[in-house]
């Protein structure tokens, strides 16, 4: 009597986990979305840690169940780098980490072109904000209906109840003057 066997040994695939953050650095109070990918495990659920603290804390930042990290209000000391860890809930020995640098608050240090710029009615001019303090920081643009800057920011993108009586500025900083100049013929951006 003879037996023959076809096929080979089929071992179970080894489970793996990887963590990915949408940014490698963030300013204080900023947010970064983290994603964990688990392969070859019955569950893809993870628990999150920041510097080994489950869900983090106010000193190193916090991370919610969906992986959204919120940086602390101040740069952590003595090290401004935090470690985000995903722990597989189905196999807690399976972990993966990512590092994130926490940067100080950003500040706007200037706007180009500078002050006292003349823009003819219905024409456009591009403005650029210089931001310091780290990171790739987007700015919000406001148009104020006064000739000088004040504590009143004015109107986001120049939008006053759906209209743009003082001109319109895009999120990219492209300003278009109104067809009819406002009273006093001056605004602040």
N, C-alpha and C. Protein backbone atom coordinates (compact mmCIF):
# COMPACT_ATOMS: atom_id res chain seq x y z
N UNK A 1 0.86 -1.16 0.00
CA UNK A 1 0.00 0.00 0.00
C UNK A 1 0.90 1.21 0.00
N UNK A 2 0.66 2.17 -0.85
CA UNK A 2 1.47 3.38 -0.91
C UNK A 2 0.62 4.62 -0.74
N UNK A 3 1.18 5.60 -0.07
CA UNK A 3 0.51 6.90 0.12
C UNK A 3 1.36 7.98 -0.53
N UNK A 4 0.70 8.88 -1.12
CA UNK A 4 1.44 10.02 -1.65
C UNK A 4 0.73 11.29 -1.21
N UNK A 5 1.50 12.33 -1.07
CA UNK A 5 0.94 13.60 -0.61
C UNK A 5 1.29 14.69 -1.59
N UNK A 6 0.35 15.51 -1.90
CA UNK A 6 0.59 16.66 -2.77
C UNK A 6 0.40 17.92 -1.95
N UNK A 7 1.13 18.94 -2.30
CA UNK A 7 1.00 20.20 -1.58
C UNK A 7 2.08 20.31 -0.54
N UNK A 8 2.12 21.45 0.09
CA UNK A 8 3.17 21.70 1.07
C UNK A 8 2.58 22.12 2.39
N UNK A 9 3.46 22.42 3.28
CA UNK A 9 3.09 22.87 4.62
C UNK A 9 2.58 24.30 4.53
N UNK A 10 1.43 24.57 5.13
CA UNK A 10 0.83 25.90 5.05
C UNK A 10 0.80 26.50 6.45
N UNK A 11 1.80 27.30 6.77
CA UNK A 11 1.86 27.95 8.09
C UNK A 11 0.98 29.19 8.07
N UNK A 12 0.43 29.51 9.23
CA UNK A 12 -0.38 30.74 9.34
C UNK A 12 0.53 31.95 9.15
N UNK A 13 0.04 32.94 8.43
CA UNK A 13 0.82 34.15 8.18
C UNK A 13 1.00 34.91 9.48
N UNK A 14 2.16 35.51 9.64
CA UNK A 14 2.49 36.26 10.85
C UNK A 14 1.75 37.60 10.86
N UNK A 15 1.08 37.91 11.96
CA UNK A 15 0.39 39.21 12.05
C UNK A 15 1.40 40.37 12.04
N UNK A 16 1.00 41.46 11.40
CA UNK A 16 1.83 42.68 11.37
C UNK A 16 0.96 43.89 11.64
N UNK A 17 1.62 44.94 12.13
CA UNK A 17 0.92 46.22 12.35
C UNK A 17 1.86 47.35 11.92
N UNK A 18 1.30 48.35 11.27
CA UNK A 18 2.06 49.55 10.90
C UNK A 18 1.25 50.78 11.28
N UNK A 19 1.96 51.85 11.61
CA UNK A 19 1.32 53.11 11.98
C UNK A 19 1.80 54.18 11.02
N UNK A 20 0.87 55.02 10.60
CA UNK A 20 1.20 56.13 9.70
C UNK A 20 0.51 57.39 10.20
N UNK A 21 1.27 58.50 10.26
CA UNK A 21 0.71 59.80 10.60
C UNK A 21 0.72 60.69 9.38
N UNK A 22 -0.28 61.57 9.25
CA UNK A 22 -0.36 62.44 8.08
C UNK A 22 0.70 63.52 8.09
N UNK A 23 1.32 63.79 9.25
CA UNK A 23 2.39 64.78 9.38
C UNK A 23 3.49 64.21 10.27
N UNK A 24 4.72 64.73 10.14
CA UNK A 24 5.81 64.31 11.02
C UNK A 24 6.08 65.35 12.09
N UNK A 25 5.45 66.52 11.97
CA UNK A 25 5.57 67.56 13.00
C UNK A 25 4.26 68.34 13.05
N UNK A 26 4.01 68.94 14.22
CA UNK A 26 2.78 69.70 14.42
C UNK A 26 3.05 70.78 15.46
N UNK A 27 2.41 71.93 15.29
CA UNK A 27 2.53 73.00 16.28
C UNK A 27 1.68 72.67 17.50
N UNK A 28 2.00 73.29 18.64
CA UNK A 28 1.20 73.09 19.84
C UNK A 28 -0.27 73.36 19.51
N UNK A 29 -1.15 72.60 20.15
CA UNK A 29 -2.60 72.67 19.94
C UNK A 29 -3.07 72.14 18.59
N UNK A 30 -2.15 71.73 17.72
CA UNK A 30 -2.53 71.22 16.41
C UNK A 30 -2.96 69.76 16.48
N UNK A 31 -3.45 69.24 15.37
CA UNK A 31 -3.90 67.85 15.31
C UNK A 31 -3.22 67.12 14.16
N UNK A 32 -3.06 65.82 14.34
CA UNK A 32 -2.52 64.94 13.31
C UNK A 32 -3.33 63.64 13.35
N UNK A 33 -3.74 63.17 12.19
CA UNK A 33 -4.48 61.91 12.10
C UNK A 33 -3.50 60.75 11.93
N UNK A 34 -3.62 59.75 12.81
CA UNK A 34 -2.81 58.54 12.70
C UNK A 34 -3.71 57.38 12.29
N UNK A 35 -3.14 56.46 11.50
CA UNK A 35 -3.85 55.29 11.04
C UNK A 35 -3.00 54.05 11.34
N UNK A 36 -3.63 53.02 11.85
CA UNK A 36 -2.95 51.75 12.08
C UNK A 36 -3.51 50.71 11.12
N UNK A 37 -2.62 49.94 10.50
CA UNK A 37 -3.03 48.88 9.58
C UNK A 37 -2.55 47.55 10.15
N UNK A 38 -3.48 46.64 10.36
CA UNK A 38 -3.17 45.32 10.89
C UNK A 38 -3.46 44.28 9.81
N UNK A 39 -2.51 43.38 9.59
CA UNK A 39 -2.69 42.29 8.63
C UNK A 39 -2.56 40.95 9.35
N UNK A 40 -3.30 39.97 8.88
CA UNK A 40 -3.21 38.58 9.36
C UNK A 40 -3.60 38.42 10.83
N UNK A 41 -4.58 39.18 11.27
CA UNK A 41 -5.10 39.06 12.62
C UNK A 41 -6.61 39.16 12.54
N UNK A 42 -7.31 38.49 13.42
CA UNK A 42 -8.77 38.42 13.35
C UNK A 42 -9.45 39.77 13.57
N UNK A 43 -8.78 40.70 14.25
CA UNK A 43 -9.37 42.01 14.52
C UNK A 43 -8.38 43.11 14.12
N UNK A 44 -8.91 44.21 13.61
CA UNK A 44 -8.04 45.34 13.24
C UNK A 44 -8.17 46.49 14.24
N UNK A 45 -8.80 46.23 15.39
CA UNK A 45 -8.96 47.28 16.41
C UNK A 45 -7.64 47.51 17.15
N UNK A 46 -7.36 48.79 17.43
CA UNK A 46 -6.15 49.14 18.17
C UNK A 46 -6.48 50.04 19.35
N UNK A 47 -5.59 50.06 20.31
CA UNK A 47 -5.61 51.03 21.40
C UNK A 47 -4.41 51.94 21.15
N UNK A 48 -4.56 53.21 21.50
CA UNK A 48 -3.52 54.19 21.22
C UNK A 48 -2.84 54.64 22.51
N UNK A 49 -1.54 54.94 22.38
CA UNK A 49 -0.75 55.46 23.49
C UNK A 49 0.10 56.62 22.98
N UNK A 50 0.39 57.54 23.90
CA UNK A 50 1.35 58.62 23.62
C UNK A 50 2.41 58.53 24.71
N UNK A 51 3.66 58.30 24.30
CA UNK A 51 4.76 58.10 25.25
C UNK A 51 4.40 57.07 26.31
N UNK A 52 3.83 55.95 25.88
CA UNK A 52 3.40 54.80 26.68
C UNK A 52 2.20 55.08 27.59
N UNK A 53 1.62 56.27 27.54
CA UNK A 53 0.45 56.60 28.35
C UNK A 53 -0.80 56.32 27.51
N UNK A 54 -1.68 55.38 27.97
CA UNK A 54 -2.90 55.11 27.21
C UNK A 54 -3.69 56.39 26.95
N UNK A 55 -3.99 56.67 25.70
CA UNK A 55 -4.71 57.86 25.22
C UNK A 55 -3.96 59.17 25.46
N UNK A 56 -2.77 59.12 26.07
CA UNK A 56 -1.97 60.32 26.30
C UNK A 56 -2.46 61.14 27.48
N UNK A 57 -1.93 62.38 27.59
CA UNK A 57 -2.34 63.30 28.66
C UNK A 57 -2.06 64.73 28.22
N UNK A 58 -2.30 65.69 29.09
CA UNK A 58 -2.14 67.11 28.72
C UNK A 58 -0.68 67.51 28.54
N UNK A 59 0.25 66.74 29.06
CA UNK A 59 1.67 67.08 28.93
C UNK A 59 2.25 66.66 27.58
N UNK A 60 1.88 65.46 27.10
CA UNK A 60 2.44 64.94 25.85
C UNK A 60 1.45 64.97 24.69
N UNK A 61 0.21 65.33 24.97
CA UNK A 61 -0.83 65.34 23.96
C UNK A 61 -1.74 64.14 24.14
N UNK A 62 -2.88 64.19 23.49
CA UNK A 62 -3.86 63.12 23.62
C UNK A 62 -4.19 62.53 22.25
N UNK A 63 -4.66 61.29 22.27
CA UNK A 63 -5.07 60.63 21.03
C UNK A 63 -6.38 59.90 21.29
N UNK A 64 -7.35 60.07 20.40
CA UNK A 64 -8.65 59.44 20.62
C UNK A 64 -8.70 58.06 19.96
N UNK A 65 -9.82 57.38 20.11
CA UNK A 65 -9.98 56.01 19.61
C UNK A 65 -9.83 55.92 18.09
N UNK A 66 -10.10 57.02 17.37
CA UNK A 66 -9.97 57.00 15.91
C UNK A 66 -8.56 57.34 15.43
N UNK A 67 -7.63 57.62 16.37
CA UNK A 67 -6.26 57.94 16.01
C UNK A 67 -5.99 59.41 15.80
N UNK A 68 -6.92 60.28 16.18
CA UNK A 68 -6.69 61.72 16.04
C UNK A 68 -5.91 62.22 17.25
N UNK A 69 -4.68 62.67 16.98
CA UNK A 69 -3.80 63.17 18.02
C UNK A 69 -3.97 64.68 18.13
N UNK A 70 -4.05 65.19 19.36
CA UNK A 70 -4.09 66.63 19.63
C UNK A 70 -2.86 66.98 20.46
N UNK A 71 -2.03 67.87 19.92
CA UNK A 71 -0.79 68.26 20.59
C UNK A 71 -1.10 69.03 21.87
N UNK A 72 -0.17 69.00 22.83
CA UNK A 72 -0.38 69.74 24.08
C UNK A 72 -0.32 71.25 23.85
N UNK A 73 -0.67 72.01 24.89
CA UNK A 73 -0.66 73.48 24.80
C UNK A 73 0.74 74.06 24.86
N UNK A 74 1.71 73.27 25.31
CA UNK A 74 3.11 73.71 25.38
C UNK A 74 3.99 72.58 24.85
N UNK A 75 5.16 72.94 24.32
CA UNK A 75 6.10 71.95 23.82
C UNK A 75 6.57 71.10 25.00
N UNK A 76 6.48 69.76 24.90
CA UNK A 76 6.93 68.91 26.00
C UNK A 76 8.42 69.07 26.26
N UNK A 77 8.81 68.99 27.52
CA UNK A 77 10.23 69.06 27.88
C UNK A 77 10.59 67.79 28.64
N UNK A 78 11.79 67.32 28.58
CA UNK A 78 12.95 67.94 27.94
C UNK A 78 13.05 67.63 26.45
N UNK A 79 12.14 66.80 25.92
CA UNK A 79 12.21 66.38 24.53
C UNK A 79 10.93 66.79 23.82
N UNK A 80 11.06 67.40 22.65
CA UNK A 80 9.87 67.83 21.91
C UNK A 80 9.36 66.78 20.94
N UNK A 81 9.84 65.55 21.07
CA UNK A 81 9.39 64.46 20.21
C UNK A 81 8.57 63.49 21.06
N UNK A 82 7.37 63.17 20.57
CA UNK A 82 6.53 62.19 21.25
C UNK A 82 6.43 60.93 20.39
N UNK A 83 6.14 59.82 21.04
CA UNK A 83 6.00 58.54 20.36
C UNK A 83 4.54 58.11 20.42
N UNK A 84 3.97 57.90 19.25
CA UNK A 84 2.59 57.42 19.13
C UNK A 84 2.67 55.91 18.91
N UNK A 85 1.95 55.16 19.74
CA UNK A 85 1.97 53.70 19.66
C UNK A 85 0.56 53.17 19.43
N UNK A 86 0.46 52.25 18.47
CA UNK A 86 -0.78 51.51 18.25
C UNK A 86 -0.57 50.11 18.79
N UNK A 87 -1.50 49.65 19.63
CA UNK A 87 -1.43 48.32 20.23
C UNK A 87 -2.62 47.52 19.71
N UNK A 88 -2.35 46.37 19.08
CA UNK A 88 -3.43 45.53 18.57
C UNK A 88 -4.24 44.99 19.75
N UNK A 89 -5.53 45.21 19.73
CA UNK A 89 -6.36 44.75 20.84
C UNK A 89 -6.47 43.23 20.89
N UNK A 90 -6.40 42.56 19.74
CA UNK A 90 -6.51 41.11 19.70
C UNK A 90 -5.21 40.40 20.08
N UNK A 91 -4.10 41.14 20.06
CA UNK A 91 -2.79 40.58 20.42
C UNK A 91 -1.94 41.74 20.93
N UNK A 92 -2.01 42.00 22.22
CA UNK A 92 -1.40 43.21 22.79
C UNK A 92 0.13 43.25 22.69
N UNK A 93 0.75 42.13 22.36
CA UNK A 93 2.20 42.16 22.14
C UNK A 93 2.54 42.71 20.76
N UNK A 94 1.54 42.89 19.91
CA UNK A 94 1.75 43.41 18.56
C UNK A 94 1.56 44.93 18.59
N UNK A 95 2.67 45.67 18.42
CA UNK A 95 2.64 47.13 18.48
C UNK A 95 3.43 47.73 17.33
N UNK A 96 3.17 49.00 17.06
CA UNK A 96 3.94 49.76 16.09
C UNK A 96 3.95 51.21 16.56
N UNK A 97 5.05 51.91 16.26
CA UNK A 97 5.19 53.29 16.74
C UNK A 97 5.54 54.24 15.60
N UNK A 98 5.26 55.51 15.85
CA UNK A 98 5.64 56.59 14.96
C UNK A 98 6.06 57.77 15.84
N UNK A 99 7.03 58.53 15.38
CA UNK A 99 7.48 59.71 16.12
C UNK A 99 6.86 60.96 15.55
N UNK A 100 6.61 61.93 16.43
CA UNK A 100 6.01 63.20 16.04
C UNK A 100 6.72 64.32 16.78
N UNK A 101 7.16 65.33 16.05
CA UNK A 101 7.85 66.47 16.65
C UNK A 101 6.82 67.55 16.96
N UNK A 102 6.85 68.06 18.21
CA UNK A 102 5.94 69.12 18.62
C UNK A 102 6.69 70.44 18.51
N UNK A 103 6.14 71.37 17.74
CA UNK A 103 6.77 72.66 17.48
C UNK A 103 6.09 73.77 18.29
N UNK A 104 6.82 74.86 18.55
CA UNK A 104 6.21 75.98 19.28
C UNK A 104 5.10 76.63 18.47
N UNK A 105 4.34 77.52 19.09
CA UNK A 105 3.26 78.19 18.35
C UNK A 105 3.82 78.98 17.17
N UNK A 106 3.08 78.98 16.10
CA UNK A 106 3.46 79.75 14.93
C UNK A 106 3.01 81.20 15.10
N UNK A 107 3.77 82.12 14.51
CA UNK A 107 3.39 83.53 14.53
C UNK A 107 3.55 84.10 13.13
N UNK A 108 2.69 85.03 12.79
CA UNK A 108 2.81 85.73 11.52
C UNK A 108 3.76 86.89 11.75
N UNK A 109 4.86 86.89 11.01
CA UNK A 109 5.88 87.93 11.21
C UNK A 109 5.84 89.02 10.15
N UNK A 110 5.02 88.85 9.13
CA UNK A 110 4.92 89.88 8.11
C UNK A 110 3.99 89.49 6.99
N UNK A 111 3.56 90.50 6.24
CA UNK A 111 2.72 90.29 5.06
C UNK A 111 3.36 91.05 3.91
N UNK A 112 3.46 90.40 2.77
CA UNK A 112 4.02 91.01 1.57
C UNK A 112 2.92 91.11 0.54
N UNK A 113 2.75 92.20 -0.20
CA UNK A 113 3.47 93.46 -0.03
C UNK A 113 3.09 94.14 1.28
N UNK A 114 3.90 95.08 1.70
CA UNK A 114 3.72 95.74 2.99
C UNK A 114 2.54 96.68 3.04
N UNK A 115 2.66 97.71 3.87
CA UNK A 115 1.54 98.63 4.09
C UNK A 115 1.44 99.69 3.01
N UNK A 116 0.30 100.37 2.98
CA UNK A 116 0.01 101.47 2.05
C UNK A 116 0.12 101.05 0.59
N UNK A 117 -0.46 99.93 0.27
CA UNK A 117 -0.48 99.42 -1.10
C UNK A 117 -1.74 99.94 -1.78
N UNK A 118 -1.64 100.33 -3.03
CA UNK A 118 -2.79 100.82 -3.78
C UNK A 118 -3.23 99.73 -4.76
N UNK A 119 -4.54 99.43 -4.70
CA UNK A 119 -5.13 98.45 -5.62
C UNK A 119 -6.31 99.14 -6.28
N UNK A 120 -6.28 99.21 -7.60
CA UNK A 120 -7.37 99.85 -8.34
C UNK A 120 -8.64 99.01 -8.24
N UNK A 121 -9.80 99.67 -8.36
CA UNK A 121 -11.09 98.99 -8.30
C UNK A 121 -11.12 97.82 -9.27
N UNK A 122 -11.66 96.69 -8.81
CA UNK A 122 -11.84 95.47 -9.60
C UNK A 122 -10.55 94.79 -10.04
N UNK A 123 -9.41 95.21 -9.52
CA UNK A 123 -8.16 94.53 -9.87
C UNK A 123 -7.71 93.67 -8.69
N UNK A 124 -6.71 92.83 -8.95
CA UNK A 124 -6.26 91.87 -7.94
C UNK A 124 -4.80 92.08 -7.57
N UNK A 125 -4.46 91.62 -6.39
CA UNK A 125 -3.09 91.67 -5.90
C UNK A 125 -2.89 90.48 -4.97
N UNK A 126 -1.77 89.77 -5.13
CA UNK A 126 -1.49 88.60 -4.29
C UNK A 126 -0.74 89.04 -3.04
N UNK A 127 -1.20 88.53 -1.89
CA UNK A 127 -0.55 88.77 -0.61
C UNK A 127 0.04 87.45 -0.11
N UNK A 128 1.16 87.55 0.60
CA UNK A 128 1.81 86.38 1.19
C UNK A 128 2.09 86.66 2.64
N UNK A 129 1.76 85.72 3.50
CA UNK A 129 2.06 85.85 4.92
C UNK A 129 3.35 85.09 5.22
N UNK A 130 4.24 85.72 5.99
CA UNK A 130 5.45 85.05 6.45
C UNK A 130 5.17 84.53 7.85
N UNK A 131 5.29 83.22 8.00
CA UNK A 131 4.97 82.57 9.26
C UNK A 131 6.25 81.96 9.83
N UNK A 132 6.50 82.19 11.12
CA UNK A 132 7.64 81.56 11.77
C UNK A 132 7.13 80.71 12.92
N UNK A 133 7.95 79.82 13.37
CA UNK A 133 7.57 78.96 14.48
C UNK A 133 7.40 77.52 14.08
N UNK A 134 7.64 77.22 12.84
CA UNK A 134 7.68 75.83 12.41
C UNK A 134 6.43 75.36 11.72
N UNK A 135 6.62 74.30 10.96
CA UNK A 135 5.51 73.65 10.29
C UNK A 135 5.05 74.38 9.04
N UNK A 136 4.19 73.72 8.30
CA UNK A 136 3.58 74.30 7.11
C UNK A 136 2.23 74.86 7.55
N UNK A 137 2.20 76.14 7.86
CA UNK A 137 1.05 76.75 8.49
C UNK A 137 0.21 77.53 7.47
N UNK A 138 -1.06 77.19 7.41
CA UNK A 138 -1.99 77.96 6.60
C UNK A 138 -2.49 79.13 7.44
N UNK A 139 -2.85 80.22 6.80
CA UNK A 139 -3.37 81.38 7.52
C UNK A 139 -4.79 81.67 7.06
N UNK A 140 -5.53 82.36 7.90
CA UNK A 140 -6.84 82.86 7.53
C UNK A 140 -6.66 84.33 7.19
N UNK A 141 -7.32 84.79 6.13
CA UNK A 141 -7.23 86.18 5.70
C UNK A 141 -8.52 86.91 6.07
N UNK A 142 -8.36 88.11 6.63
CA UNK A 142 -9.49 88.94 7.02
C UNK A 142 -9.37 90.29 6.35
N UNK A 143 -10.52 90.87 6.01
CA UNK A 143 -10.56 92.22 5.46
C UNK A 143 -11.33 93.07 6.46
N UNK A 144 -10.68 94.15 6.91
CA UNK A 144 -11.27 95.05 7.90
C UNK A 144 -11.68 96.33 7.18
N UNK A 145 -12.83 96.88 7.52
CA UNK A 145 -13.32 98.07 6.84
C UNK A 145 -12.78 99.36 7.44
N UNK A 146 -11.55 99.31 7.96
CA UNK A 146 -10.93 100.55 8.43
C UNK A 146 -9.57 100.69 7.75
N UNK A 147 -9.06 101.90 7.76
CA UNK A 147 -7.79 102.16 7.09
C UNK A 147 -6.60 101.63 7.87
N UNK A 148 -6.79 101.33 9.14
CA UNK A 148 -5.69 100.84 9.96
C UNK A 148 -6.08 99.51 10.59
N UNK A 149 -5.09 98.74 10.92
CA UNK A 149 -5.36 97.47 11.59
C UNK A 149 -5.86 97.75 13.00
N UNK A 150 -6.73 96.91 13.49
CA UNK A 150 -7.28 97.11 14.82
C UNK A 150 -7.46 95.76 15.49
N UNK A 151 -7.96 95.77 16.70
CA UNK A 151 -8.20 94.50 17.39
C UNK A 151 -9.37 93.75 16.74
N UNK A 152 -10.18 94.43 15.94
CA UNK A 152 -11.25 93.79 15.20
C UNK A 152 -10.65 93.17 13.95
N UNK A 153 -10.67 91.85 13.86
CA UNK A 153 -10.08 91.18 12.69
C UNK A 153 -10.76 91.56 11.40
N UNK A 154 -12.02 91.86 11.46
CA UNK A 154 -12.75 92.16 10.24
C UNK A 154 -13.55 90.95 9.80
N UNK A 155 -13.57 90.71 8.50
CA UNK A 155 -14.44 89.70 7.92
C UNK A 155 -13.60 88.64 7.21
N UNK A 156 -13.80 87.38 7.59
CA UNK A 156 -13.05 86.28 7.00
C UNK A 156 -13.22 86.28 5.49
N UNK A 157 -12.12 86.34 4.79
CA UNK A 157 -12.06 86.39 3.32
C UNK A 157 -12.81 87.60 2.74
N UNK A 158 -13.19 88.55 3.62
CA UNK A 158 -13.92 89.73 3.16
C UNK A 158 -15.41 89.52 3.06
N UNK A 159 -15.90 88.37 3.47
CA UNK A 159 -17.31 88.02 3.32
C UNK A 159 -18.15 88.69 4.41
N UNK A 160 -19.00 89.62 4.00
CA UNK A 160 -19.92 90.30 4.91
C UNK A 160 -21.33 89.87 4.52
N UNK A 161 -21.88 88.92 5.27
CA UNK A 161 -23.23 88.41 5.00
C UNK A 161 -23.44 88.01 3.54
N UNK A 162 -22.46 87.32 2.97
CA UNK A 162 -22.57 86.82 1.61
C UNK A 162 -22.10 87.79 0.53
N UNK A 163 -21.72 89.01 0.90
CA UNK A 163 -21.21 89.98 -0.07
C UNK A 163 -19.77 90.36 0.27
N UNK A 164 -19.15 91.13 -0.60
CA UNK A 164 -17.76 91.52 -0.42
C UNK A 164 -17.59 93.02 -0.66
N UNK A 165 -18.20 93.87 0.19
CA UNK A 165 -18.15 95.32 -0.04
C UNK A 165 -16.76 95.92 0.10
N UNK A 166 -15.84 95.23 0.77
CA UNK A 166 -14.48 95.75 0.96
C UNK A 166 -13.45 94.98 0.14
N UNK A 167 -13.95 94.13 -0.74
CA UNK A 167 -13.08 93.30 -1.56
C UNK A 167 -13.09 91.88 -1.02
N UNK A 168 -12.53 90.97 -1.80
CA UNK A 168 -12.50 89.56 -1.44
C UNK A 168 -11.07 89.06 -1.48
N UNK A 169 -10.70 88.24 -0.49
CA UNK A 169 -9.37 87.63 -0.47
C UNK A 169 -9.54 86.13 -0.33
N UNK A 170 -8.87 85.37 -1.19
CA UNK A 170 -8.99 83.92 -1.18
C UNK A 170 -8.14 83.33 -0.05
N UNK A 171 -8.36 82.07 0.30
CA UNK A 171 -7.51 81.43 1.31
C UNK A 171 -6.03 81.41 0.91
N UNK A 172 -5.74 81.57 -0.37
CA UNK A 172 -4.35 81.62 -0.85
C UNK A 172 -3.77 83.03 -0.79
N UNK A 173 -4.57 84.04 -0.41
CA UNK A 173 -4.06 85.41 -0.29
C UNK A 173 -4.26 86.29 -1.50
N UNK A 174 -5.07 85.87 -2.46
CA UNK A 174 -5.31 86.69 -3.66
C UNK A 174 -6.48 87.63 -3.40
N UNK A 175 -6.15 88.93 -3.32
CA UNK A 175 -7.16 89.96 -3.00
C UNK A 175 -7.67 90.58 -4.29
N UNK A 176 -9.01 90.74 -4.39
CA UNK A 176 -9.64 91.46 -5.49
C UNK A 176 -10.43 92.62 -4.89
N UNK A 177 -10.09 93.83 -5.33
CA UNK A 177 -10.76 95.03 -4.82
C UNK A 177 -12.19 95.09 -5.34
N UNK A 178 -13.09 95.73 -4.57
CA UNK A 178 -14.47 95.84 -5.04
C UNK A 178 -14.56 96.80 -6.23
N UNK A 179 -15.67 96.73 -6.98
CA UNK A 179 -15.88 97.63 -8.11
C UNK A 179 -16.03 99.06 -7.64
N UNK A 180 -16.66 99.24 -6.50
CA UNK A 180 -16.84 100.58 -5.94
C UNK A 180 -16.06 100.64 -4.63
N UNK A 181 -15.09 101.53 -4.51
CA UNK A 181 -14.28 101.61 -3.29
C UNK A 181 -15.16 101.91 -2.07
N UNK A 182 -14.82 101.34 -0.91
CA UNK A 182 -15.59 101.61 0.30
C UNK A 182 -15.41 103.05 0.77
N UNK A 183 -16.25 103.48 1.67
CA UNK A 183 -16.13 104.81 2.26
C UNK A 183 -14.73 104.99 2.82
N UNK A 184 -14.08 106.09 2.49
CA UNK A 184 -12.72 106.32 2.93
C UNK A 184 -11.69 105.69 1.99
N UNK A 185 -12.15 104.84 1.09
CA UNK A 185 -11.31 104.20 0.08
C UNK A 185 -10.10 103.47 0.65
N UNK A 186 -10.21 102.97 1.89
CA UNK A 186 -9.09 102.24 2.48
C UNK A 186 -9.61 101.08 3.31
N UNK A 187 -8.87 100.01 3.31
CA UNK A 187 -9.20 98.83 4.13
C UNK A 187 -7.90 98.31 4.73
N UNK A 188 -8.04 97.38 5.67
CA UNK A 188 -6.86 96.71 6.25
C UNK A 188 -7.02 95.22 6.02
N UNK A 189 -5.92 94.55 5.66
CA UNK A 189 -5.91 93.09 5.46
C UNK A 189 -5.07 92.50 6.57
